[in-house]
Amino acid sequence: MPKTPASTTSFSPDPSFGPVVNRLTTEFSGVHHGSTVTRCVDAARHGAEDVTGSATPDLVERIARQHLQVLALAFAERR
């Protein structure tokens, strides 16, 4: 499992996105650490809010999943 450096940006967790974190943590278990998934969901939420003014769980999940897939591919190519 790749290690991700500590983030310098602090996001406040939103409990309404807990199910998204749980689904993606299960989906990417053995690929990404749970803290990586949480940071990715937080970043996706904030990015969606910045671009569209809102962030639905469905949109955040799609964005975070794509980011996690790209991270997994990047780590796989480095090996």
C-alpha atoms as a PDB file:
ATOM      1  CA  MET A   1       0.000   0.000   0.000  1.00  0.00           C
ATOM      2  CA  PRO A   2       1.544   3.345  -1.021  1.00  0.00           C
ATOM      3  CA  LYS A   3       2.180   5.897   1.667  1.00  0.00           C
ATOM      4  CA  THR A   4       0.916   9.399   1.164  1.00  0.00           C
ATOM      5  CA  PRO A   5       2.686  12.325   2.787  1.00  0.00           C
ATOM      6  CA  ALA A   6       0.750  14.306   5.368  1.00  0.00           C
ATOM      7  CA  SER A   7      -1.352  17.014   3.824  1.00  0.00           C
ATOM      8  CA  THR A   8      -0.540  20.631   4.502  1.00  0.00           C
ATOM      9  CA  THR A   9      -4.182  21.567   3.903  1.00  0.00           C
ATOM     10  CA  SER A  10      -6.682  20.819   6.636  1.00  0.00           C
ATOM     11  CA  PHE A  11     -10.245  19.963   5.662  1.00  0.00           C
ATOM     12  CA  SER A  12     -13.106  19.717   8.088  1.00  0.00           C
ATOM     13  CA  PRO A  13     -14.818  16.341   7.759  1.00  0.00           C
ATOM     14  CA  ASP A  14     -18.476  16.397   6.775  1.00  0.00           C
ATOM     15  CA  PRO A  15     -20.467  13.488   8.226  1.00  0.00           C
ATOM     16  CA  SER A  16     -22.805  13.413   5.219  1.00  0.00           C
ATOM     17  CA  PHE A  17     -19.868  12.115   3.171  1.00  0.00           C
ATOM     18  CA  GLY A  18     -19.129   9.249   5.573  1.00  0.00           C
ATOM     19  CA  PRO A  19     -20.917   6.691   3.370  1.00  0.00           C
ATOM     20  CA  VAL A  20     -18.841   7.854   0.386  1.00  0.00           C
ATOM     21  CA  VAL A  21     -15.635   7.387   2.370  1.00  0.00           C
ATOM     22  CA  ASN A  22     -16.801   3.942   3.519  1.00  0.00           C
ATOM     23  CA  ARG A  23     -17.664   2.770  -0.015  1.00  0.00           C
ATOM     24  CA  LEU A  24     -14.397   4.015  -1.499  1.00  0.00           C
ATOM     25  CA  THR A  25     -12.328   2.655   1.393  1.00  0.00           C
ATOM     26  CA  THR A  26     -13.840  -0.772   0.752  1.00  0.00           C
ATOM     27  CA  GLU A  27     -13.410  -0.458  -3.010  1.00  0.00           C
ATOM     28  CA  PHE A  28      -9.758   0.575  -2.727  1.00  0.00           C
ATOM     29  CA  SER A  29      -8.751  -1.593   0.238  1.00  0.00           C
ATOM     30  CA  GLY A  30      -5.323  -3.047  -0.414  1.00  0.00           C
ATOM     31  CA  VAL A  31      -4.627  -0.192  -2.818  1.00  0.00           C
ATOM     32  CA  HIS A  32      -4.903   2.987  -0.744  1.00  0.00           C
ATOM     33  CA  HIS A  33      -4.819   3.624   2.977  1.00  0.00           C
ATOM     34  CA  GLY A  34      -8.082   4.857   4.494  1.00  0.00           C
ATOM     35  CA  SER A  35      -6.559   8.252   5.259  1.00  0.00           C
ATOM     36  CA  THR A  36      -5.724   8.677   1.568  1.00  0.00           C
ATOM     37  CA  VAL A  37      -9.337   7.942   0.654  1.00  0.00           C
ATOM     38  CA  THR A  38     -10.592  10.425   3.249  1.00  0.00           C
ATOM     39  CA  ARG A  39      -8.271  13.170   1.991  1.00  0.00           C
ATOM     40  CA  CYS A  40      -9.315  12.461  -1.596  1.00  0.00           C
ATOM     41  CA  VAL A  41     -13.022  12.703  -0.713  1.00  0.00           C
ATOM     42  CA  ASP A  42     -12.400  15.961   1.179  1.00  0.00           C
ATOM     43  CA  ALA A  43     -10.436  17.401  -1.743  1.00  0.00           C
ATOM     44  CA  ALA A  44     -13.139  16.326  -4.216  1.00  0.00           C
ATOM     45  CA  ARG A  45     -15.814  17.945  -2.043  1.00  0.00           C
ATOM     46  CA  HIS A  46     -13.942  21.223  -1.792  1.00  0.00           C
ATOM     47  CA  GLY A  47     -13.112  21.186  -5.495  1.00  0.00           C
ATOM     48  CA  ALA A  48     -16.744  20.610  -6.447  1.00  0.00           C
ATOM     49  CA  GLU A  49     -17.840  23.416  -4.126  1.00  0.00           C
ATOM     50  CA  ASP A  50     -15.270  25.770  -5.649  1.00  0.00           C
ATOM     51  CA  VAL A  51     -16.308  24.985  -9.223  1.00  0.00           C
ATOM     52  CA  THR A  52     -20.066  24.463  -8.984  1.00  0.00           C
ATOM     53  CA  GLY A  53     -20.983  26.087  -5.683  1.00  0.00           C
ATOM     54  CA  SER A  54     -22.234  22.804  -4.223  1.00  0.00           C
ATOM     55  CA  ALA A  55     -21.087  19.247  -3.710  1.00  0.00           C
ATOM     56  CA  THR A  56     -23.512  16.353  -3.764  1.00  0.00           C
ATOM     57  CA  PRO A  57     -22.318  13.004  -2.431  1.00  0.00           C
ATOM     58  CA  ASP A  58     -22.749  11.419  -5.884  1.00  0.00           C
ATOM     59  CA  LEU A  59     -20.567  14.033  -7.574  1.00  0.00           C
ATOM     60  CA  VAL A  60     -17.935  13.887  -4.848  1.00  0.00           C
ATOM     61  CA  GLU A  61     -17.830  10.090  -5.043  1.00  0.00           C
ATOM     62  CA  ARG A  62     -17.310  10.129  -8.816  1.00  0.00           C
ATOM     63  CA  ILE A  63     -14.534  12.711  -8.602  1.00  0.00           C
ATOM     64  CA  ALA A  64     -12.789  10.983  -5.693  1.00  0.00           C
ATOM     65  CA  ARG A  65     -13.020   7.567  -7.394  1.00  0.00           C
ATOM     66  CA  GLN A  66     -11.367   8.953 -10.530  1.00  0.00           C
ATOM     67  CA  HIS A  67      -8.582  10.518  -8.475  1.00  0.00           C
ATOM     68  CA  LEU A  68      -8.002   7.287  -6.542  1.00  0.00           C
ATOM     69  CA  GLN A  69      -7.864   5.311  -9.807  1.00  0.00           C
ATOM     70  CA  VAL A  70      -5.288   7.708 -11.239  1.00  0.00           C
ATOM     71  CA  LEU A  71      -3.216   7.498  -8.048  1.00  0.00           C
ATOM     72  CA  ALA A  72      -3.311   3.697  -8.205  1.00  0.00           C
ATOM     73  CA  LEU A  73      -2.129   3.734 -11.832  1.00  0.00           C
ATOM     74  CA  ALA A  74       0.667   6.187 -11.038  1.00  0.00           C
ATOM     75  CA  PHE A  75       1.893   4.033  -8.139  1.00  0.00           C
ATOM     76  CA  ALA A  76       1.681   0.883 -10.286  1.00  0.00           C
ATOM     77  CA  GLU A  77       3.804   2.490 -13.020  1.00  0.00           C
ATOM     78  CA  ARG A  78       6.503   3.467 -10.502  1.00  0.00           C
ATOM     79  CA  ARG A  79       7.094  -0.161  -9.529  1.00  0.00           C
END
